[in-house]
Amino acid sequence: MHPEVCFESYRSGRLLPSNIPLEKSMQYEAVVAFGTIRVVEDHAEKRDYLQGLLDKYFGEMESGKDYRPITEDELKQTSVYAIAVDNWSGKRNWKDRADQGEADEWPPLDEKWFDHY
């Protein structure tokens, strides 16, 4: 088995128009992590990780009150992997507008293009 792993997470946003072709862009955020991976076998640990995801994405809901708790059968059917991150890198471009050329180079874009994308 080769436990080395690379994991990427990416989010994209709006297209960013420009009056210069090479300045057209888009909003994005990305991170790449490198490390080692293992299968989580212990049911208590697996339950904690899965509950952590439920809490993150459905934090307003309460287990045992708003929804049924995770069952042993569901734990048996679900694979959970843990990554020990050795290093990572990220990149982000989340500005509101792409760079625009000077008015003496080419006319500015009409504002309609900024609402369109």
PDB file of N, CA and C in Angstrom:
ATOM      1  N   MET A   1       0.840  -1.184   0.000  1.00  0.00           N
ATOM      2  CA  MET A   1       0.000   0.000   0.000  1.00  0.00           C
ATOM      3  C   MET A   1       0.884   1.246   0.000  1.00  0.00           C
ATOM      4  N   HIS A   2       0.458   2.271  -0.714  1.00  0.00           N
ATOM      5  CA  HIS A   2       1.170   3.544  -0.787  1.00  0.00           C
ATOM      6  C   HIS A   2       0.285   4.619  -0.145  1.00  0.00           C
ATOM      7  N   PRO A   3       0.563   4.985   1.093  1.00  0.00           N
ATOM      8  CA  PRO A   3      -0.320   5.917   1.802  1.00  0.00           C
ATOM      9  C   PRO A   3      -0.139   7.389   1.421  1.00  0.00           C
ATOM     10  N   GLU A   4       0.806   7.699   0.498  1.00  0.00           N
ATOM     11  CA  GLU A   4       0.991   9.099   0.106  1.00  0.00           C
ATOM     12  C   GLU A   4      -0.235   9.568  -0.672  1.00  0.00           C
ATOM     13  N   VAL A   5      -0.651  10.799  -0.406  1.00  0.00           N
ATOM     14  CA  VAL A   5      -1.866  11.307  -1.024  1.00  0.00           C
ATOM     15  C   VAL A   5      -1.738  12.794  -1.309  1.00  0.00           C
ATOM     16  N   CYS A   6      -2.481  13.226  -2.296  1.00  0.00           N
ATOM     17  CA  CYS A   6      -2.628  14.643  -2.630  1.00  0.00           C
ATOM     18  C   CYS A   6      -4.129  14.908  -2.718  1.00  0.00           C
ATOM     19  N   PHE A   7      -4.582  15.974  -2.087  1.00  0.00           N
ATOM     20  CA  PHE A   7      -6.010  16.306  -2.058  1.00  0.00           C
ATOM     21  C   PHE A   7      -6.174  17.768  -2.441  1.00  0.00           C
ATOM     22  N   GLU A   8      -7.137  18.050  -3.328  1.00  0.00           N
ATOM     23  CA  GLU A   8      -7.389  19.430  -3.751  1.00  0.00           C
ATOM     24  C   GLU A   8      -8.833  19.806  -3.480  1.00  0.00           C
ATOM     25  N   SER A   9      -9.016  21.039  -3.041  1.00  0.00           N
ATOM     26  CA  SER A   9     -10.351  21.608  -2.878  1.00  0.00           C
ATOM     27  C   SER A   9     -10.372  22.922  -3.640  1.00  0.00           C
ATOM     28  N   TYR A  10     -11.464  23.153  -4.372  1.00  0.00           N
ATOM     29  CA  TYR A  10     -11.522  24.284  -5.289  1.00  0.00           C
ATOM     30  C   TYR A  10     -12.912  24.918  -5.235  1.00  0.00           C
ATOM     31  N   ARG A  11     -12.946  26.237  -5.292  1.00  0.00           N
ATOM     32  CA  ARG A  11     -14.221  26.961  -5.368  1.00  0.00           C
ATOM     33  C   ARG A  11     -14.088  28.027  -6.444  1.00  0.00           C
ATOM     34  N   SER A  12     -15.075  28.110  -7.319  1.00  0.00           N
ATOM     35  CA  SER A  12     -15.057  29.150  -8.347  1.00  0.00           C
ATOM     36  C   SER A  12     -16.234  30.088  -8.143  1.00  0.00           C
ATOM     37  N   GLY A  13     -16.051  31.313  -8.605  1.00  0.00           N
ATOM     38  CA  GLY A  13     -17.083  32.331  -8.484  1.00  0.00           C
ATOM     39  C   GLY A  13     -17.462  32.884  -9.847  1.00  0.00           C
ATOM     40  N   ARG A  14     -17.606  34.200  -9.900  1.00  0.00           N
ATOM     41  CA  ARG A  14     -18.063  34.868 -11.121  1.00  0.00           C
ATOM     42  C   ARG A  14     -16.947  34.981 -12.154  1.00  0.00           C
ATOM     43  N   LEU A  15     -17.370  35.084 -13.421  1.00  0.00           N
ATOM     44  CA  LEU A  15     -16.448  35.455 -14.486  1.00  0.00           C
ATOM     45  C   LEU A  15     -16.169  36.947 -14.362  1.00  0.00           C
ATOM     46  N   LEU A  16     -14.941  37.354 -14.672  1.00  0.00           N
ATOM     47  CA  LEU A  16     -14.529  38.751 -14.543  1.00  0.00           C
ATOM     48  C   LEU A  16     -14.167  39.294 -15.926  1.00  0.00           C
ATOM     49  N   PRO A  17     -15.076  40.034 -16.566  1.00  0.00           N
ATOM     50  CA  PRO A  17     -14.807  40.553 -17.901  1.00  0.00           C
ATOM     51  C   PRO A  17     -13.796  41.700 -17.876  1.00  0.00           C
ATOM     52  N   SER A  18     -13.120  41.900 -19.002  1.00  0.00           N
ATOM     53  CA  SER A  18     -12.168  42.996 -19.164  1.00  0.00           C
ATOM     54  C   SER A  18     -12.209  43.463 -20.609  1.00  0.00           C
ATOM     55  N   ASN A  19     -11.725  44.680 -20.840  1.00  0.00           N
ATOM     56  CA  ASN A  19     -11.640  45.170 -22.216  1.00  0.00           C
ATOM     57  C   ASN A  19     -10.317  44.757 -22.865  1.00  0.00           C
ATOM     58  N   ILE A  20      -9.500  43.984 -22.153  1.00  0.00           N
ATOM     59  CA  ILE A  20      -8.260  43.425 -22.682  1.00  0.00           C
ATOM     60  C   ILE A  20      -8.376  41.904 -22.603  1.00  0.00           C
ATOM     61  N   PRO A  21      -8.234  41.192 -23.728  1.00  0.00           N
ATOM     62  CA  PRO A  21      -8.443  39.737 -23.721  1.00  0.00           C
ATOM     63  C   PRO A  21      -7.641  38.977 -22.664  1.00  0.00           C
ATOM     64  N   LEU A  22      -6.372  39.296 -22.475  1.00  0.00           N
ATOM     65  CA  LEU A  22      -5.550  38.536 -21.535  1.00  0.00           C
ATOM     66  C   LEU A  22      -5.831  38.865 -20.075  1.00  0.00           C
ATOM     67  N   GLU A  23      -6.645  39.866 -19.808  1.00  0.00           N
ATOM     68  CA  GLU A  23      -6.998  40.220 -18.426  1.00  0.00           C
ATOM     69  C   GLU A  23      -8.333  39.626 -18.000  1.00  0.00           C
ATOM     70  N   LYS A  24      -9.086  39.027 -18.938  1.00  0.00           N
ATOM     71  CA  LYS A  24     -10.333  38.361 -18.559  1.00  0.00           C
ATOM     72  C   LYS A  24      -9.973  37.270 -17.558  1.00  0.00           C
ATOM     73  N   SER A  25     -10.807  37.072 -16.555  1.00  0.00           N
ATOM     74  CA  SER A  25     -10.435  36.146 -15.497  1.00  0.00           C
ATOM     75  C   SER A  25     -11.691  35.572 -14.849  1.00  0.00           C
ATOM     76  N   MET A  26     -11.511  34.922 -13.726  1.00  0.00           N
ATOM     77  CA  MET A  26     -12.625  34.428 -12.922  1.00  0.00           C
ATOM     78  C   MET A  26     -12.180  34.402 -11.471  1.00  0.00           C
ATOM     79  N   GLN A  27     -13.149  34.430 -10.587  1.00  0.00           N
ATOM     80  CA  GLN A  27     -12.871  34.317  -9.159  1.00  0.00           C
ATOM     81  C   GLN A  27     -12.620  32.841  -8.837  1.00  0.00           C
ATOM     82  N   TYR A  28     -11.599  32.584  -8.020  1.00  0.00           N
ATOM     83  CA  TYR A  28     -11.335  31.213  -7.606  1.00  0.00           C
ATOM     84  C   TYR A  28     -10.545  31.193  -6.300  1.00  0.00           C
ATOM     85  N   GLU A  29     -10.681  30.084  -5.615  1.00  0.00           N
ATOM     86  CA  GLU A  29      -9.884  29.763  -4.437  1.00  0.00           C
ATOM     87  C   GLU A  29      -9.560  28.275  -4.537  1.00  0.00           C
ATOM     88  N   ALA A  30      -8.322  27.916  -4.266  1.00  0.00           N
ATOM     89  CA  ALA A  30      -7.938  26.507  -4.338  1.00  0.00           C
ATOM     90  C   ALA A  30      -6.853  26.228  -3.302  1.00  0.00           C
ATOM     91  N   VAL A  31      -6.878  25.016  -2.773  1.00  0.00           N
ATOM     92  CA  VAL A  31      -5.826  24.565  -1.869  1.00  0.00           C
ATOM     93  C   VAL A  31      -5.497  23.118  -2.233  1.00  0.00           C
ATOM     94  N   VAL A  32      -4.200  22.800  -2.202  1.00  0.00           N
ATOM     95  CA  VAL A  32      -3.724  21.445  -2.445  1.00  0.00           C
ATOM     96  C   VAL A  32      -2.939  21.017  -1.210  1.00  0.00           C
ATOM     97  N   ALA A  33      -3.271  19.850  -0.679  1.00  0.00           N
ATOM     98  CA  ALA A  33      -2.591  19.325   0.509  1.00  0.00           C
ATOM     99  C   ALA A  33      -1.912  18.003   0.155  1.00  0.00           C
ATOM    100  N   PHE A  34      -0.725  17.795   0.722  1.00  0.00           N
ATOM    101  CA  PHE A  34       0.030  16.572   0.526  1.00  0.00           C
ATOM    102  C   PHE A  34       0.255  15.923   1.888  1.00  0.00           C
ATOM    103  N   GLY A  35       0.138  14.616   1.939  1.00  0.00           N
ATOM    104  CA  GLY A  35       0.348  13.934   3.202  1.00  0.00           C
ATOM    105  C   GLY A  35       0.177  12.446   3.073  1.00  0.00           C
ATOM    106  N   THR A  36      -0.227  11.827   4.170  1.00  0.00           N
ATOM    107  CA  THR A  36      -0.477  10.382   4.196  1.00  0.00           C
ATOM    108  C   THR A  36      -1.926  10.145   4.605  1.00  0.00           C
ATOM    109  N   ILE A  37      -2.466   9.080   4.086  1.00  0.00           N
ATOM    110  CA  ILE A  37      -3.876   8.772   4.309  1.00  0.00           C
ATOM    111  C   ILE A  37      -4.004   7.434   5.034  1.00  0.00           C
ATOM    112  N   ARG A  38      -5.068   7.326   5.804  1.00  0.00           N
ATOM    113  CA  ARG A  38      -5.382   6.054   6.459  1.00  0.00           C
ATOM    114  C   ARG A  38      -6.891   5.882   6.481  1.00  0.00           C
ATOM    115  N   VAL A  39      -7.307   4.636   6.491  1.00  0.00           N
ATOM    116  CA  VAL A  39      -8.724   4.310   6.626  1.00  0.00           C
ATOM    117  C   VAL A  39      -9.049   4.323   8.113  1.00  0.00           C
ATOM    118  N   VAL A  40     -10.091   5.038   8.490  1.00  0.00           N
ATOM    119  CA  VAL A  40     -10.530   5.085   9.890  1.00  0.00           C
ATOM    120  C   VAL A  40     -11.408   3.863  10.137  1.00  0.00           C
ATOM    121  N   GLU A  41     -10.939   2.979  11.002  1.00  0.00           N
ATOM    122  CA  GLU A  41     -11.653   1.729  11.293  1.00  0.00           C
ATOM    123  C   GLU A  41     -12.460   1.813  12.588  1.00  0.00           C
ATOM    124  N   ASP A  42     -11.952   2.537  13.583  1.00  0.00           N
ATOM    125  CA  ASP A  42     -12.606   2.645  14.884  1.00  0.00           C
ATOM    126  C   ASP A  42     -13.939   3.372  14.744  1.00  0.00           C
ATOM    127  N   HIS A  43     -15.022   2.732  15.178  1.00  0.00           N
ATOM    128  CA  HIS A  43     -16.357   3.304  14.995  1.00  0.00           C
ATOM    129  C   HIS A  43     -16.563   4.603  15.773  1.00  0.00           C
ATOM    130  N   ALA A  44     -15.992   4.708  16.949  1.00  0.00           N
ATOM    131  CA  ALA A  44     -16.152   5.948  17.723  1.00  0.00           C
ATOM    132  C   ALA A  44     -15.453   7.106  17.011  1.00  0.00           C
ATOM    133  N   GLU A  45     -14.260   6.849  16.495  1.00  0.00           N
ATOM    134  CA  GLU A  45     -13.535   7.887  15.753  1.00  0.00           C
ATOM    135  C   GLU A  45     -14.266   8.234  14.458  1.00  0.00           C
ATOM    136  N   LYS A  46     -14.759   7.221  13.764  1.00  0.00           N
ATOM    137  CA  LYS A  46     -15.498   7.428  12.523  1.00  0.00           C
ATOM    138  C   LYS A  46     -16.755   8.271  12.796  1.00  0.00           C
ATOM    139  N   ARG A  47     -17.462   7.947  13.861  1.00  0.00           N
ATOM    140  CA  ARG A  47     -18.668   8.698  14.242  1.00  0.00           C
ATOM    141  C   ARG A  47     -18.322  10.168  14.516  1.00  0.00           C
ATOM    142  N   ASP A  48     -17.208  10.399  15.219  1.00  0.00           N
ATOM    143  CA  ASP A  48     -16.790  11.778  15.518  1.00  0.00           C
ATOM    144  C   ASP A  48     -16.526  12.572  14.237  1.00  0.00           C
ATOM    145  N   TYR A  49     -15.821  11.963  13.285  1.00  0.00           N
ATOM    146  CA  TYR A  49     -15.549  12.653  12.014  1.00  0.00           C
ATOM    147  C   TYR A  49     -16.838  12.949  11.248  1.00  0.00           C
ATOM    148  N   LEU A  50     -17.721  11.959  11.164  1.00  0.00           N
ATOM    149  CA  LEU A  50     -18.979  12.153  10.437  1.00  0.00           C
ATOM    150  C   LEU A  50     -19.864  13.189  11.136  1.00  0.00           C
ATOM    151  N   GLN A  51     -19.902  13.147  12.461  1.00  0.00           N
ATOM    152  CA  GLN A  51     -20.681  14.141  13.204  1.00  0.00           C
ATOM    153  C   GLN A  51     -20.095  15.537  12.993  1.00  0.00           C
ATOM    154  N   GLY A  52     -18.778  15.623  12.894  1.00  0.00           N
ATOM    155  CA  GLY A  52     -18.136  16.902  12.615  1.00  0.00           C
ATOM    156  C   GLY A  52     -18.591  17.489  11.288  1.00  0.00           C
ATOM    157  N   LEU A  53     -18.748  16.643  10.267  1.00  0.00           N
ATOM    158  CA  LEU A  53     -19.256  17.125   8.978  1.00  0.00           C
ATOM    159  C   LEU A  53     -20.705  17.592   9.091  1.00  0.00           C
ATOM    160  N   LEU A  54     -21.513  16.812   9.808  1.00  0.00           N
ATOM    161  CA  LEU A  54     -22.911  17.217  10.010  1.00  0.00           C
ATOM    162  C   LEU A  54     -22.979  18.549  10.758  1.00  0.00           C
ATOM    163  N   ASP A  55     -22.150  18.703  11.786  1.00  0.00           N
ATOM    164  CA  ASP A  55     -22.138  19.956  12.555  1.00  0.00           C
ATOM    165  C   ASP A  55     -21.687  21.128  11.694  1.00  0.00           C
ATOM    166  N   LYS A  56     -20.709  20.889  10.827  1.00  0.00           N
ATOM    167  CA  LYS A  56     -20.206  21.967   9.967  1.00  0.00           C
ATOM    168  C   LYS A  56     -21.274  22.446   8.990  1.00  0.00           C
ATOM    169  N   TYR A  57     -21.931  21.510   8.318  1.00  0.00           N
ATOM    170  CA  TYR A  57     -22.856  21.887   7.255  1.00  0.00           C
ATOM    171  C   TYR A  57     -24.303  22.037   7.713  1.00  0.00           C
ATOM    172  N   PHE A  58     -24.659  21.442   8.842  1.00  0.00           N
ATOM    173  CA  PHE A  58     -26.027  21.540   9.367  1.00  0.00           C
ATOM    174  C   PHE A  58     -25.980  21.898  10.848  1.00  0.00           C
ATOM    175  N   GLY A  59     -25.132  22.859  11.201  1.00  0.00           N
ATOM    176  CA  GLY A  59     -24.868  23.213  12.584  1.00  0.00           C
ATOM    177  C   GLY A  59     -26.070  23.647  13.395  1.00  0.00           C
ATOM    178  N   GLU A  60     -27.093  24.150  12.736  1.00  0.00           N
ATOM    179  CA  GLU A  60     -28.296  24.580  13.449  1.00  0.00           C
ATOM    180  C   GLU A  60     -29.167  23.399  13.866  1.00  0.00           C
ATOM    181  N   MET A  61     -28.916  22.238  13.260  1.00  0.00           N
ATOM    182  CA  MET A  61     -29.706  21.046  13.575  1.00  0.00           C
ATOM    183  C   MET A  61     -28.991  20.240  14.657  1.00  0.00           C
ATOM    184  N   GLU A  62     -29.764  19.606  15.529  1.00  0.00           N
ATOM    185  CA  GLU A  62     -29.197  18.866  16.648  1.00  0.00           C
ATOM    186  C   GLU A  62     -29.502  17.365  16.515  1.00  0.00           C
ATOM    187  N   SER A  63     -28.420  16.564  16.621  1.00  0.00           N
ATOM    188  CA  SER A  63     -28.573  15.114  16.576  1.00  0.00           C
ATOM    189  C   SER A  63     -29.418  14.642  17.757  1.00  0.00           C
ATOM    190  N   GLY A  64     -30.369  13.759  17.486  1.00  0.00           N
ATOM    191  CA  GLY A  64     -31.241  13.238  18.534  1.00  0.00           C
ATOM    192  C   GLY A  64     -32.452  14.110  18.790  1.00  0.00           C
ATOM    193  N   LYS A  65     -32.446  15.314  18.217  1.00  0.00           N
ATOM    194  CA  LYS A  65     -33.591  16.217  18.366  1.00  0.00           C
ATOM    195  C   LYS A  65     -34.207  16.504  16.995  1.00  0.00           C
ATOM    196  N   ASP A  66     -33.378  16.994  16.067  1.00  0.00           N
ATOM    197  CA  ASP A  66     -33.867  17.349  14.736  1.00  0.00           C
ATOM    198  C   ASP A  66     -33.696  16.218  13.724  1.00  0.00           C
ATOM    199  N   TYR A  67     -32.784  15.318  14.013  1.00  0.00           N
ATOM    200  CA  TYR A  67     -32.591  14.156  13.140  1.00  0.00           C
ATOM    201  C   TYR A  67     -32.068  12.985  13.965  1.00  0.00           C
ATOM    202  N   ARG A  68     -32.278  11.784  13.420  1.00  0.00           N
ATOM    203  CA  ARG A  68     -31.860  10.562  14.089  1.00  0.00           C
ATOM    204  C   ARG A  68     -30.333  10.502  14.137  1.00  0.00           C
ATOM    205  N   PRO A  69     -29.749  10.093  15.245  1.00  0.00           N
ATOM    206  CA  PRO A  69     -28.294   9.937  15.323  1.00  0.00           C
ATOM    207  C   PRO A  69     -27.785   8.887  14.333  1.00  0.00           C
ATOM    208  N   ILE A  70     -26.497   8.956  14.035  1.00  0.00           N
ATOM    209  CA  ILE A  70     -25.845   7.993  13.145  1.00  0.00           C
ATOM    210  C   ILE A  70     -25.939   6.600  13.773  1.00  0.00           C
ATOM    211  N   THR A  71     -26.333   5.614  12.964  1.00  0.00           N
ATOM    212  CA  THR A  71     -26.488   4.248  13.481  1.00  0.00           C
ATOM    213  C   THR A  71     -25.220   3.422  13.234  1.00  0.00           C
ATOM    214  N   GLU A  72     -25.089   2.312  13.960  1.00  0.00           N
ATOM    215  CA  GLU A  72     -23.965   1.385  13.765  1.00  0.00           C
ATOM    216  C   GLU A  72     -23.963   0.833  12.346  1.00  0.00           C
ATOM    217  N   ASP A  73     -25.153   0.543  11.814  1.00  0.00           N
ATOM    218  CA  ASP A  73     -25.243   0.013  10.448  1.00  0.00           C
ATOM    219  C   ASP A  73     -24.716   1.037   9.432  1.00  0.00           C
ATOM    220  N   GLU A  74     -25.027   2.309   9.647  1.00  0.00           N
ATOM    221  CA  GLU A  74     -24.522   3.352   8.745  1.00  0.00           C
ATOM    222  C   GLU A  74     -22.999   3.463   8.842  1.00  0.00           C
ATOM    223  N   LEU A  75     -22.451   3.303  10.048  1.00  0.00           N
ATOM    224  CA  LEU A  75     -20.991   3.338  10.215  1.00  0.00           C
ATOM    225  C   LEU A  75     -20.328   2.181   9.472  1.00  0.00           C
ATOM    226  N   LYS A  76     -20.964   1.009   9.481  1.00  0.00           N
ATOM    227  CA  LYS A  76     -20.428  -0.146   8.769  1.00  0.00           C
ATOM    228  C   LYS A  76     -20.432   0.076   7.255  1.00  0.00           C
ATOM    229  N   GLN A  77     -21.406   0.835   6.751  1.00  0.00           N
ATOM    230  CA  GLN A  77     -21.553   1.066   5.313  1.00  0.00           C
ATOM    231  C   GLN A  77     -20.720   2.238   4.789  1.00  0.00           C
ATOM    232  N   THR A  78     -20.140   3.002   5.695  1.00  0.00           N
ATOM    233  CA  THR A  78     -19.464   4.243   5.312  1.00  0.00           C
ATOM    234  C   THR A  78     -17.963   4.136   5.515  1.00  0.00           C
ATOM    235  N   SER A  79     -17.215   4.507   4.488  1.00  0.00           N
ATOM    236  CA  SER A  79     -15.756   4.571   4.595  1.00  0.00           C
ATOM    237  C   SER A  79     -15.358   5.999   4.950  1.00  0.00           C
ATOM    238  N   VAL A  80     -14.446   6.123   5.888  1.00  0.00           N
ATOM    239  CA  VAL A  80     -13.920   7.430   6.303  1.00  0.00           C
ATOM    240  C   VAL A  80     -12.404   7.353   6.211  1.00  0.00           C
ATOM    241  N   TYR A  81     -11.823   8.363   5.579  1.00  0.00           N
ATOM    242  CA  TYR A  81     -10.376   8.435   5.420  1.00  0.00           C
ATOM    243  C   TYR A  81      -9.870   9.670   6.155  1.00  0.00           C
ATOM    244  N   ALA A  82      -8.742   9.529   6.823  1.00  0.00           N
ATOM    245  CA  ALA A  82      -8.112  10.654   7.518  1.00  0.00           C
ATOM    246  C   ALA A  82      -6.783  10.946   6.827  1.00  0.00           C
ATOM    247  N   ILE A  83      -6.526  12.221   6.594  1.00  0.00           N
ATOM    248  CA  ILE A  83      -5.277  12.637   5.961  1.00  0.00           C
ATOM    249  C   ILE A  83      -4.448  13.410   6.982  1.00  0.00           C
ATOM    250  N   ALA A  84      -3.225  12.956   7.198  1.00  0.00           N
ATOM    251  CA  ALA A  84      -2.262  13.704   8.011  1.00  0.00           C
ATOM    252  C   ALA A  84      -1.505  14.595   7.030  1.00  0.00           C
ATOM    253  N   VAL A  85      -1.745  15.900   7.090  1.00  0.00           N
ATOM    254  CA  VAL A  85      -1.174  16.840   6.124  1.00  0.00           C
ATOM    255  C   VAL A  85       0.278  17.145   6.492  1.00  0.00           C
ATOM    256  N   ASP A  86       1.164  16.941   5.521  1.00  0.00           N
ATOM    257  CA  ASP A  86       2.577  17.279   5.686  1.00  0.00           C
ATOM    258  C   ASP A  86       2.855  18.708   5.224  1.00  0.00           C
ATOM    259  N   ASN A  87       2.270  19.085   4.092  1.00  0.00           N
ATOM    260  CA  ASN A  87       2.398  20.459   3.597  1.00  0.00           C
ATOM    261  C   ASN A  87       1.254  20.755   2.644  1.00  0.00           C
ATOM    262  N   TRP A  88       1.053  22.030   2.412  1.00  0.00           N
ATOM    263  CA  TRP A  88      -0.048  22.456   1.553  1.00  0.00           C
ATOM    264  C   TRP A  88       0.292  23.798   0.930  1.00  0.00           C
ATOM    265  N   SER A  89      -0.455  24.122  -0.127  1.00  0.00           N
ATOM    266  CA  SER A  89      -0.329  25.444  -0.743  1.00  0.00           C
ATOM    267  C   SER A  89      -1.704  25.851  -1.260  1.00  0.00           C
ATOM    268  N   GLY A  90      -1.903  27.138  -1.343  1.00  0.00           N
ATOM    269  CA  GLY A  90      -3.186  27.650  -1.799  1.00  0.00           C
ATOM    270  C   GLY A  90      -3.008  28.845  -2.715  1.00  0.00           C
ATOM    271  N   LYS A  91      -4.061  29.132  -3.451  1.00  0.00           N
ATOM    272  CA  LYS A  91      -4.048  30.263  -4.363  1.00  0.00           C
ATOM    273  C   LYS A  91      -5.457  30.856  -4.384  1.00  0.00           C
ATOM    274  N   ARG A  92      -5.521  32.184  -4.480  1.00  0.00           N
ATOM    275  CA  ARG A  92      -6.819  32.851  -4.419  1.00  0.00           C
ATOM    276  C   ARG A  92      -6.844  34.054  -5.344  1.00  0.00           C
ATOM    277  N   ASN A  93      -7.929  34.194  -6.090  1.00  0.00           N
ATOM    278  CA  ASN A  93      -8.211  35.388  -6.882  1.00  0.00           C
ATOM    279  C   ASN A  93      -9.703  35.653  -6.695  1.00  0.00           C
ATOM    280  N   TRP A  94     -10.039  36.533  -5.772  1.00  0.00           N
ATOM    281  CA  TRP A  94     -11.451  36.785  -5.480  1.00  0.00           C
ATOM    282  C   TRP A  94     -11.744  38.285  -5.534  1.00  0.00           C
ATOM    283  N   LYS A  95     -11.143  38.968  -6.503  1.00  0.00           N
ATOM    284  CA  LYS A  95     -11.411  40.393  -6.622  1.00  0.00           C
ATOM    285  C   LYS A  95     -12.740  40.618  -7.338  1.00  0.00           C
ATOM    286  N   ASP A  96     -13.272  41.820  -7.204  1.00  0.00           N
ATOM    287  CA  ASP A  96     -14.576  42.142  -7.793  1.00  0.00           C
ATOM    288  C   ASP A  96     -14.523  42.335  -9.301  1.00  0.00           C
ATOM    289  N   ARG A  97     -13.380  42.830  -9.798  1.00  0.00           N
ATOM    290  CA  ARG A  97     -13.256  43.085 -11.237  1.00  0.00           C
ATOM    291  C   ARG A  97     -11.860  42.719 -11.728  1.00  0.00           C
ATOM    292  N   ALA A  98     -11.800  42.307 -12.986  1.00  0.00           N
ATOM    293  CA  ALA A  98     -10.506  42.059 -13.623  1.00  0.00           C
ATOM    294  C   ALA A  98      -9.873  43.405 -13.958  1.00  0.00           C
ATOM    295  N   ASP A  99      -8.568  43.387 -14.128  1.00  0.00           N
ATOM    296  CA  ASP A  99      -7.866  44.602 -14.542  1.00  0.00           C
ATOM    297  C   ASP A  99      -8.392  45.057 -15.894  1.00  0.00           C
ATOM    298  N   GLN A 100      -8.483  46.359 -16.059  1.00  0.00           N
ATOM    299  CA  GLN A 100      -8.989  46.962 -17.291  1.00  0.00           C
ATOM    300  C   GLN A 100      -7.864  47.787 -17.921  1.00  0.00           C
ATOM    301  N   GLY A 101      -7.913  47.881 -19.253  1.00  0.00           N
ATOM    302  CA  GLY A 101      -6.943  48.708 -19.955  1.00  0.00           C
ATOM    303  C   GLY A 101      -7.261  50.183 -19.803  1.00  0.00           C
ATOM    304  N   GLU A 102      -6.271  50.999 -20.069  1.00  0.00           N
ATOM    305  CA  GLU A 102      -6.440  52.451 -20.013  1.00  0.00           C
ATOM    306  C   GLU A 102      -7.380  52.906 -21.130  1.00  0.00           C
ATOM    307  N   ALA A 103      -8.104  53.996 -20.896  1.00  0.00           N
ATOM    308  CA  ALA A 103      -9.082  54.507 -21.856  1.00  0.00           C
ATOM    309  C   ALA A 103      -8.432  54.884 -23.181  1.00  0.00           C
ATOM    310  N   ASP A 104      -7.152  55.286 -23.171  1.00  0.00           N
ATOM    311  CA  ASP A 104      -6.500  55.648 -24.427  1.00  0.00           C
ATOM    312  C   ASP A 104      -6.101  54.411 -25.232  1.00  0.00           C
ATOM    313  N   GLU A 105      -6.133  53.226 -24.598  1.00  0.00           N
ATOM    314  CA  GLU A 105      -5.789  51.973 -25.277  1.00  0.00           C
ATOM    315  C   GLU A 105      -7.022  51.354 -25.939  1.00  0.00           C
ATOM    316  N   TRP A 106      -8.140  51.362 -25.199  1.00  0.00           N
ATOM    317  CA  TRP A 106      -9.408  50.800 -25.701  1.00  0.00           C
ATOM    318  C   TRP A 106     -10.503  51.333 -24.806  1.00  0.00           C
ATOM    319  N   PRO A 107     -11.680  51.599 -25.349  1.00  0.00           N
ATOM    320  CA  PRO A 107     -12.765  52.151 -24.515  1.00  0.00           C
ATOM    321  C   PRO A 107     -13.119  51.218 -23.354  1.00  0.00           C
ATOM    322  N   PRO A 108     -13.465  51.786 -22.196  1.00  0.00           N
ATOM    323  CA  PRO A 108     -13.867  50.960 -21.046  1.00  0.00           C
ATOM    324  C   PRO A 108     -15.104  50.131 -21.368  1.00  0.00           C
ATOM    325  N   LEU A 109     -15.222  49.011 -20.713  1.00  0.00           N
ATOM    326  CA  LEU A 109     -16.411  48.168 -20.879  1.00  0.00           C
ATOM    327  C   LEU A 109     -17.639  48.882 -20.346  1.00  0.00           C
ATOM    328  N   ASP A 110     -18.757  48.640 -20.989  1.00  0.00           N
ATOM    329  CA  ASP A 110     -20.042  49.132 -20.505  1.00  0.00           C
ATOM    330  C   ASP A 110     -20.349  48.407 -19.191  1.00  0.00           C
ATOM    331  N   GLU A 111     -20.947  49.095 -18.242  1.00  0.00           N
ATOM    332  CA  GLU A 111     -21.281  48.524 -16.927  1.00  0.00           C
ATOM    333  C   GLU A 111     -22.179  47.278 -17.026  1.00  0.00           C
ATOM    334  N   LYS A 112     -22.937  47.155 -18.122  1.00  0.00           N
ATOM    335  CA  LYS A 112     -23.816  45.980 -18.267  1.00  0.00           C
ATOM    336  C   LYS A 112     -23.038  44.678 -18.207  1.00  0.00           C
ATOM    337  N   TRP A 113     -21.774  44.689 -18.645  1.00  0.00           N
ATOM    338  CA  TRP A 113     -20.971  43.467 -18.652  1.00  0.00           C
ATOM    339  C   TRP A 113     -20.588  43.041 -17.234  1.00  0.00           C
ATOM    340  N   PHE A 114     -20.526  43.968 -16.322  1.00  0.00           N
ATOM    341  CA  PHE A 114     -20.156  43.610 -14.960  1.00  0.00           C
ATOM    342  C   PHE A 114     -21.345  43.005 -14.206  1.00  0.00           C
ATOM    343  N   ASP A 115     -22.545  43.387 -14.576  1.00  0.00           N
ATOM    344  CA  ASP A 115     -23.748  42.798 -13.985  1.00  0.00           C
ATOM    345  C   ASP A 115     -24.101  41.463 -14.638  1.00  0.00           C
ATOM    346  N   HIS A 116     -23.690  41.299 -15.886  1.00  0.00           N
ATOM    347  CA  HIS A 116     -24.037  40.118 -16.677  1.00  0.00           C
ATOM    348  C   HIS A 116     -23.339  38.867 -16.157  1.00  0.00           C
ATOM    349  N   TYR A 117     -22.114  38.984 -15.719  1.00  0.00           N
ATOM    350  CA  TYR A 117     -21.331  37.827 -15.286  1.00  0.00           C
ATOM    351  C   TYR A 117     -21.253  37.791 -13.784  1.00  0.00           C
TER     352      TYR A 117
END
